[in-house]
Amino acid sequence: MILEVLDIGGHRDGELHDLDWSMAISNAPHIVARRAAMTTDLVTSRQVRSVWELLLQADPTWGEFEEHGEWGIARKLSTKELRTSVEQVVVHSSPQDLVIAVVKRVRLVADSRRRP
């Protein structure tokens, strides 16, 4: 899991990857060695997705949620934009959709920099 906050022209984006990761699919030796002692629920739960859904989406200071395969992208909102409820999460399934979404975000940032 990676959580990055990028500050580009006043826009702060958060990125989580491996949304559907669980200890059951991990090949990390320290996790493999401990799995037998863990409950099935702990081994199969998708911890990164839980952070995405239960923490980020529940936090009114984050918005513009998008999923691109295993990636989740959100934008840190300004105090003027704070939302009161979870908004729609846009899901993109193809790499082409991911590229298009990134280009749109770059254009938004570029446009905001041009405004006086």
N, C-alpha and C. Protein backbone atom coordinates (compact mmCIF):
# COMPACT_ATOMS: atom_id res chain seq x y z
N MET A 1 0.85 -1.18 0.00
CA MET A 1 0.00 0.00 0.00
C MET A 1 0.89 1.23 0.00
N ILE A 2 0.52 2.17 -0.81
CA ILE A 2 1.22 3.45 -0.83
C ILE A 2 0.17 4.54 -0.71
N LEU A 3 0.37 5.46 0.19
CA LEU A 3 -0.48 6.63 0.27
C LEU A 3 0.42 7.82 0.02
N GLU A 4 0.20 8.48 -1.07
CA GLU A 4 0.98 9.67 -1.42
C GLU A 4 0.06 10.86 -1.42
N VAL A 5 0.55 11.94 -0.95
CA VAL A 5 -0.19 13.19 -1.08
C VAL A 5 0.68 14.10 -1.94
N LEU A 6 0.16 14.45 -3.08
CA LEU A 6 0.88 15.30 -4.03
C LEU A 6 0.30 16.70 -3.98
N ASP A 7 1.13 17.69 -3.86
CA ASP A 7 0.66 19.07 -3.86
C ASP A 7 1.09 19.70 -5.18
N ILE A 8 0.17 19.67 -6.15
CA ILE A 8 0.46 20.18 -7.49
C ILE A 8 -0.45 21.38 -7.74
N GLY A 9 0.09 22.54 -7.73
CA GLY A 9 -0.72 23.72 -8.00
C GLY A 9 -1.89 23.88 -7.05
N GLY A 10 -1.70 23.52 -5.80
CA GLY A 10 -2.77 23.66 -4.83
C GLY A 10 -3.70 22.46 -4.77
N HIS A 11 -3.53 21.50 -5.66
CA HIS A 11 -4.35 20.29 -5.63
C HIS A 11 -3.55 19.21 -4.91
N ARG A 12 -4.16 18.60 -3.93
CA ARG A 12 -3.50 17.51 -3.22
C ARG A 12 -4.25 16.24 -3.51
N ASP A 13 -3.57 15.27 -4.08
CA ASP A 13 -4.18 14.00 -4.43
C ASP A 13 -3.60 12.90 -3.54
N GLY A 14 -4.47 11.97 -3.18
CA GLY A 14 -4.04 10.79 -2.44
C GLY A 14 -4.19 9.58 -3.33
N GLU A 15 -3.21 8.70 -3.26
CA GLU A 15 -3.24 7.50 -4.08
C GLU A 15 -3.02 6.28 -3.18
N LEU A 16 -3.89 5.30 -3.32
CA LEU A 16 -3.71 4.01 -2.66
C LEU A 16 -3.63 2.97 -3.75
N HIS A 17 -2.69 2.07 -3.63
CA HIS A 17 -2.68 1.00 -4.61
C HIS A 17 -2.75 -0.35 -3.91
N ASP A 18 -3.07 -1.37 -4.68
CA ASP A 18 -3.34 -2.72 -4.16
C ASP A 18 -4.59 -2.72 -3.29
N LEU A 19 -5.66 -2.10 -3.80
CA LEU A 19 -6.91 -2.00 -3.04
C LEU A 19 -7.42 -3.36 -2.58
N ASP A 20 -7.21 -4.39 -3.38
CA ASP A 20 -7.76 -5.70 -3.03
C ASP A 20 -6.71 -6.64 -2.42
N TRP A 21 -5.61 -6.07 -1.94
CA TRP A 21 -4.58 -6.88 -1.30
C TRP A 21 -5.11 -7.49 -0.02
N SER A 22 -4.68 -8.72 0.24
CA SER A 22 -4.96 -9.37 1.52
C SER A 22 -3.74 -10.20 1.90
N MET A 23 -3.69 -10.63 3.14
CA MET A 23 -2.58 -11.47 3.57
C MET A 23 -2.62 -12.83 2.88
N ALA A 24 -3.79 -13.23 2.42
CA ALA A 24 -3.93 -14.52 1.74
C ALA A 24 -3.16 -14.55 0.42
N ILE A 25 -2.99 -13.41 -0.24
CA ILE A 25 -2.29 -13.39 -1.52
C ILE A 25 -0.87 -12.88 -1.40
N SER A 26 -0.45 -12.55 -0.19
CA SER A 26 0.89 -12.02 0.02
C SER A 26 1.94 -13.14 -0.06
N ASN A 27 3.06 -12.82 -0.68
CA ASN A 27 4.20 -13.74 -0.72
C ASN A 27 5.32 -13.30 0.22
N ALA A 28 5.07 -12.26 1.00
CA ALA A 28 6.09 -11.77 1.93
C ALA A 28 6.37 -12.86 2.97
N PRO A 29 7.62 -13.26 3.14
CA PRO A 29 7.94 -14.36 4.05
C PRO A 29 7.41 -14.18 5.47
N HIS A 30 7.48 -12.96 6.01
CA HIS A 30 7.02 -12.76 7.39
C HIS A 30 5.50 -12.92 7.50
N ILE A 31 4.76 -12.64 6.44
CA ILE A 31 3.30 -12.84 6.46
C ILE A 31 2.96 -14.30 6.24
N VAL A 32 3.63 -14.94 5.28
CA VAL A 32 3.39 -16.36 5.01
C VAL A 32 3.65 -17.18 6.27
N ALA A 33 4.71 -16.86 7.00
CA ALA A 33 5.06 -17.60 8.21
C ALA A 33 4.01 -17.46 9.32
N ARG A 34 3.30 -16.36 9.34
CA ARG A 34 2.32 -16.11 10.42
C ARG A 34 0.89 -16.47 10.06
N ARG A 35 0.59 -16.71 8.79
CA ARG A 35 -0.80 -16.93 8.37
C ARG A 35 -1.50 -18.04 9.12
N ALA A 36 -0.81 -19.13 9.40
CA ALA A 36 -1.43 -20.28 10.07
C ALA A 36 -1.98 -19.90 11.44
N ALA A 37 -1.38 -18.92 12.09
CA ALA A 37 -1.81 -18.52 13.43
C ALA A 37 -2.91 -17.46 13.39
N MET A 38 -3.25 -16.98 12.20
CA MET A 38 -4.25 -15.91 12.06
C MET A 38 -5.63 -16.47 11.77
N THR A 39 -6.64 -15.69 12.11
CA THR A 39 -7.99 -16.08 11.78
C THR A 39 -8.21 -15.96 10.28
N THR A 40 -9.15 -16.74 9.76
CA THR A 40 -9.47 -16.67 8.34
C THR A 40 -9.91 -15.27 7.95
N ASP A 41 -10.68 -14.63 8.82
CA ASP A 41 -11.16 -13.28 8.54
C ASP A 41 -10.00 -12.30 8.38
N LEU A 42 -9.03 -12.40 9.25
CA LEU A 42 -7.87 -11.51 9.16
C LEU A 42 -7.06 -11.79 7.90
N VAL A 43 -6.87 -13.05 7.57
CA VAL A 43 -6.07 -13.43 6.40
C VAL A 43 -6.74 -12.99 5.10
N THR A 44 -8.07 -13.10 5.03
CA THR A 44 -8.76 -12.81 3.77
C THR A 44 -9.29 -11.39 3.66
N SER A 45 -9.27 -10.64 4.74
CA SER A 45 -9.80 -9.27 4.65
C SER A 45 -8.88 -8.39 3.81
N ARG A 46 -9.50 -7.48 3.10
CA ARG A 46 -8.76 -6.58 2.21
C ARG A 46 -8.49 -5.28 2.97
N GLN A 47 -7.36 -5.24 3.66
CA GLN A 47 -7.05 -4.14 4.56
C GLN A 47 -6.92 -2.80 3.85
N VAL A 48 -6.31 -2.78 2.67
CA VAL A 48 -6.13 -1.51 1.96
C VAL A 48 -7.49 -0.97 1.52
N ARG A 49 -8.36 -1.86 1.03
CA ARG A 49 -9.71 -1.42 0.65
C ARG A 49 -10.45 -0.89 1.87
N SER A 50 -10.24 -1.48 3.03
CA SER A 50 -10.88 -0.98 4.25
C SER A 50 -10.44 0.44 4.56
N VAL A 51 -9.15 0.73 4.40
CA VAL A 51 -8.66 2.10 4.60
C VAL A 51 -9.34 3.02 3.59
N TRP A 52 -9.42 2.59 2.33
CA TRP A 52 -10.04 3.37 1.26
C TRP A 52 -11.50 3.67 1.57
N GLU A 53 -12.25 2.62 1.95
CA GLU A 53 -13.70 2.79 2.14
C GLU A 53 -14.07 3.36 3.50
N LEU A 54 -13.41 2.90 4.56
CA LEU A 54 -13.82 3.28 5.91
C LEU A 54 -13.15 4.55 6.41
N LEU A 55 -11.97 4.85 5.94
CA LEU A 55 -11.28 6.05 6.42
C LEU A 55 -11.34 7.19 5.41
N LEU A 56 -10.81 6.97 4.21
CA LEU A 56 -10.78 8.06 3.23
C LEU A 56 -12.17 8.50 2.80
N GLN A 57 -13.02 7.54 2.40
CA GLN A 57 -14.35 7.91 1.91
C GLN A 57 -15.25 8.45 3.03
N ALA A 58 -14.97 8.09 4.26
CA ALA A 58 -15.76 8.61 5.37
C ALA A 58 -15.30 9.99 5.82
N ASP A 59 -14.11 10.39 5.40
CA ASP A 59 -13.54 11.67 5.80
C ASP A 59 -14.04 12.77 4.86
N PRO A 60 -14.78 13.75 5.36
CA PRO A 60 -15.33 14.78 4.49
C PRO A 60 -14.29 15.71 3.88
N THR A 61 -13.03 15.57 4.28
CA THR A 61 -11.98 16.40 3.69
C THR A 61 -11.39 15.78 2.43
N TRP A 62 -11.87 14.60 2.04
CA TRP A 62 -11.44 13.94 0.80
C TRP A 62 -12.63 13.81 -0.13
N GLY A 63 -12.40 13.92 -1.45
CA GLY A 63 -13.47 13.79 -2.43
C GLY A 63 -12.92 13.39 -3.79
N GLU A 64 -13.79 13.41 -4.79
CA GLU A 64 -13.44 13.03 -6.16
C GLU A 64 -12.78 11.65 -6.21
N PHE A 65 -13.44 10.67 -5.62
CA PHE A 65 -12.91 9.32 -5.55
C PHE A 65 -13.01 8.61 -6.90
N GLU A 66 -11.91 7.99 -7.29
CA GLU A 66 -11.87 7.21 -8.53
C GLU A 66 -11.10 5.93 -8.27
N GLU A 67 -11.58 4.83 -8.86
CA GLU A 67 -10.86 3.57 -8.80
C GLU A 67 -10.42 3.20 -10.20
N HIS A 68 -9.18 2.78 -10.31
CA HIS A 68 -8.59 2.36 -11.58
C HIS A 68 -7.94 1.01 -11.32
N GLY A 69 -8.69 -0.05 -11.53
CA GLY A 69 -8.15 -1.37 -11.23
C GLY A 69 -7.80 -1.47 -9.76
N GLU A 70 -6.52 -1.67 -9.47
CA GLU A 70 -6.05 -1.80 -8.09
C GLU A 70 -5.71 -0.47 -7.43
N TRP A 71 -5.92 0.63 -8.15
CA TRP A 71 -5.57 1.96 -7.63
C TRP A 71 -6.81 2.72 -7.20
N GLY A 72 -6.71 3.44 -6.11
CA GLY A 72 -7.73 4.38 -5.68
C GLY A 72 -7.11 5.77 -5.63
N ILE A 73 -7.77 6.73 -6.22
CA ILE A 73 -7.27 8.10 -6.25
C ILE A 73 -8.34 9.02 -5.67
N ALA A 74 -7.94 9.94 -4.83
CA ALA A 74 -8.87 10.90 -4.24
C ALA A 74 -8.17 12.25 -4.15
N ARG A 75 -8.97 13.30 -3.99
CA ARG A 75 -8.40 14.65 -3.87
C ARG A 75 -8.74 15.22 -2.51
N LYS A 76 -7.74 15.82 -1.88
CA LYS A 76 -7.94 16.51 -0.61
C LYS A 76 -8.70 17.80 -0.91
N LEU A 77 -9.84 17.99 -0.28
CA LEU A 77 -10.70 19.14 -0.56
C LEU A 77 -10.29 20.35 0.27
N SER A 78 -10.59 21.52 -0.25
CA SER A 78 -10.36 22.74 0.52
C SER A 78 -11.48 22.87 1.54
N THR A 79 -11.32 23.77 2.49
CA THR A 79 -12.36 23.94 3.51
C THR A 79 -13.66 24.44 2.91
N LYS A 80 -13.60 25.09 1.74
CA LYS A 80 -14.82 25.56 1.08
C LYS A 80 -15.59 24.42 0.43
N GLU A 81 -14.90 23.32 0.12
CA GLU A 81 -15.50 22.22 -0.62
C GLU A 81 -15.95 21.05 0.24
N LEU A 82 -15.75 21.11 1.54
CA LEU A 82 -16.03 19.95 2.38
C LEU A 82 -17.41 19.38 2.08
N ARG A 83 -17.48 18.07 1.99
CA ARG A 83 -18.73 17.40 1.66
C ARG A 83 -19.35 16.82 2.92
N THR A 84 -20.64 16.57 2.88
CA THR A 84 -21.33 16.05 4.05
C THR A 84 -21.57 14.55 3.97
N SER A 85 -21.51 13.97 2.78
CA SER A 85 -21.73 12.53 2.66
C SER A 85 -20.81 11.97 1.58
N VAL A 86 -20.73 10.65 1.56
CA VAL A 86 -19.88 9.99 0.56
C VAL A 86 -20.49 10.22 -0.81
N GLU A 87 -19.65 10.66 -1.71
CA GLU A 87 -20.10 10.89 -3.07
C GLU A 87 -19.89 9.61 -3.88
N GLN A 88 -20.26 9.66 -5.10
CA GLN A 88 -20.11 8.51 -5.99
C GLN A 88 -18.63 8.23 -6.24
N VAL A 89 -18.27 6.97 -6.26
CA VAL A 89 -16.92 6.56 -6.60
C VAL A 89 -16.93 6.15 -8.07
N VAL A 90 -16.07 6.76 -8.86
CA VAL A 90 -15.99 6.45 -10.28
C VAL A 90 -15.01 5.30 -10.45
N VAL A 91 -15.45 4.22 -11.10
CA VAL A 91 -14.61 3.06 -11.30
C VAL A 91 -14.23 2.96 -12.77
N HIS A 92 -12.94 2.90 -13.02
CA HIS A 92 -12.41 2.75 -14.38
C HIS A 92 -11.70 1.40 -14.45
N SER A 93 -12.02 0.61 -15.45
CA SER A 93 -11.47 -0.74 -15.49
C SER A 93 -10.27 -0.92 -16.40
N SER A 94 -10.06 -0.06 -17.34
CA SER A 94 -8.98 -0.30 -18.29
C SER A 94 -7.81 0.67 -18.06
N PRO A 95 -6.61 0.28 -18.48
CA PRO A 95 -5.46 1.19 -18.39
C PRO A 95 -5.69 2.48 -19.18
N GLN A 96 -6.41 2.36 -20.29
CA GLN A 96 -6.71 3.55 -21.09
C GLN A 96 -7.55 4.54 -20.27
N ASP A 97 -8.53 4.02 -19.50
CA ASP A 97 -9.34 4.89 -18.65
C ASP A 97 -8.48 5.58 -17.60
N LEU A 98 -7.48 4.87 -17.06
CA LEU A 98 -6.58 5.46 -16.07
C LEU A 98 -5.80 6.61 -16.69
N VAL A 99 -5.26 6.41 -17.88
CA VAL A 99 -4.51 7.46 -18.56
C VAL A 99 -5.40 8.68 -18.82
N ILE A 100 -6.62 8.44 -19.28
CA ILE A 100 -7.56 9.53 -19.55
C ILE A 100 -7.85 10.31 -18.26
N ALA A 101 -8.07 9.60 -17.15
CA ALA A 101 -8.35 10.27 -15.88
C ALA A 101 -7.16 11.11 -15.41
N VAL A 102 -5.95 10.59 -15.58
CA VAL A 102 -4.76 11.33 -15.17
C VAL A 102 -4.62 12.59 -16.03
N VAL A 103 -4.84 12.47 -17.33
CA VAL A 103 -4.76 13.63 -18.23
C VAL A 103 -5.78 14.69 -17.81
N LYS A 104 -6.99 14.27 -17.46
CA LYS A 104 -8.02 15.23 -17.02
C LYS A 104 -7.57 15.96 -15.77
N ARG A 105 -6.96 15.22 -14.82
CA ARG A 105 -6.50 15.87 -13.58
C ARG A 105 -5.38 16.87 -13.87
N VAL A 106 -4.47 16.50 -14.75
CA VAL A 106 -3.38 17.41 -15.12
C VAL A 106 -3.94 18.67 -15.76
N ARG A 107 -4.94 18.51 -16.63
CA ARG A 107 -5.56 19.68 -17.26
C ARG A 107 -6.25 20.56 -16.23
N LEU A 108 -6.92 19.94 -15.24
CA LEU A 108 -7.57 20.72 -14.18
C LEU A 108 -6.54 21.57 -13.43
N VAL A 109 -5.42 20.95 -13.10
CA VAL A 109 -4.37 21.67 -12.38
C VAL A 109 -3.83 22.80 -13.25
N ALA A 110 -3.57 22.50 -14.53
CA ALA A 110 -3.05 23.53 -15.44
C ALA A 110 -4.04 24.68 -15.57
N ASP A 111 -5.33 24.38 -15.70
CA ASP A 111 -6.34 25.42 -15.80
C ASP A 111 -6.41 26.27 -14.54
N SER A 112 -6.29 25.62 -13.38
CA SER A 112 -6.37 26.37 -12.12
C SER A 112 -5.17 27.30 -11.96
N ARG A 113 -4.03 26.93 -12.51
CA ARG A 113 -2.84 27.78 -12.43
C ARG A 113 -2.97 29.01 -13.33
N ARG A 114 -3.72 28.88 -14.42
CA ARG A 114 -3.89 30.00 -15.35
C ARG A 114 -4.88 31.04 -14.86
N ARG A 115 -5.76 30.63 -13.96
CA ARG A 115 -6.76 31.58 -13.45
C ARG A 115 -6.11 32.60 -12.53
N PRO A 116 -6.54 33.86 -12.63
CA PRO A 116 -5.93 34.89 -11.76
C PRO A 116 -6.34 34.75 -10.33
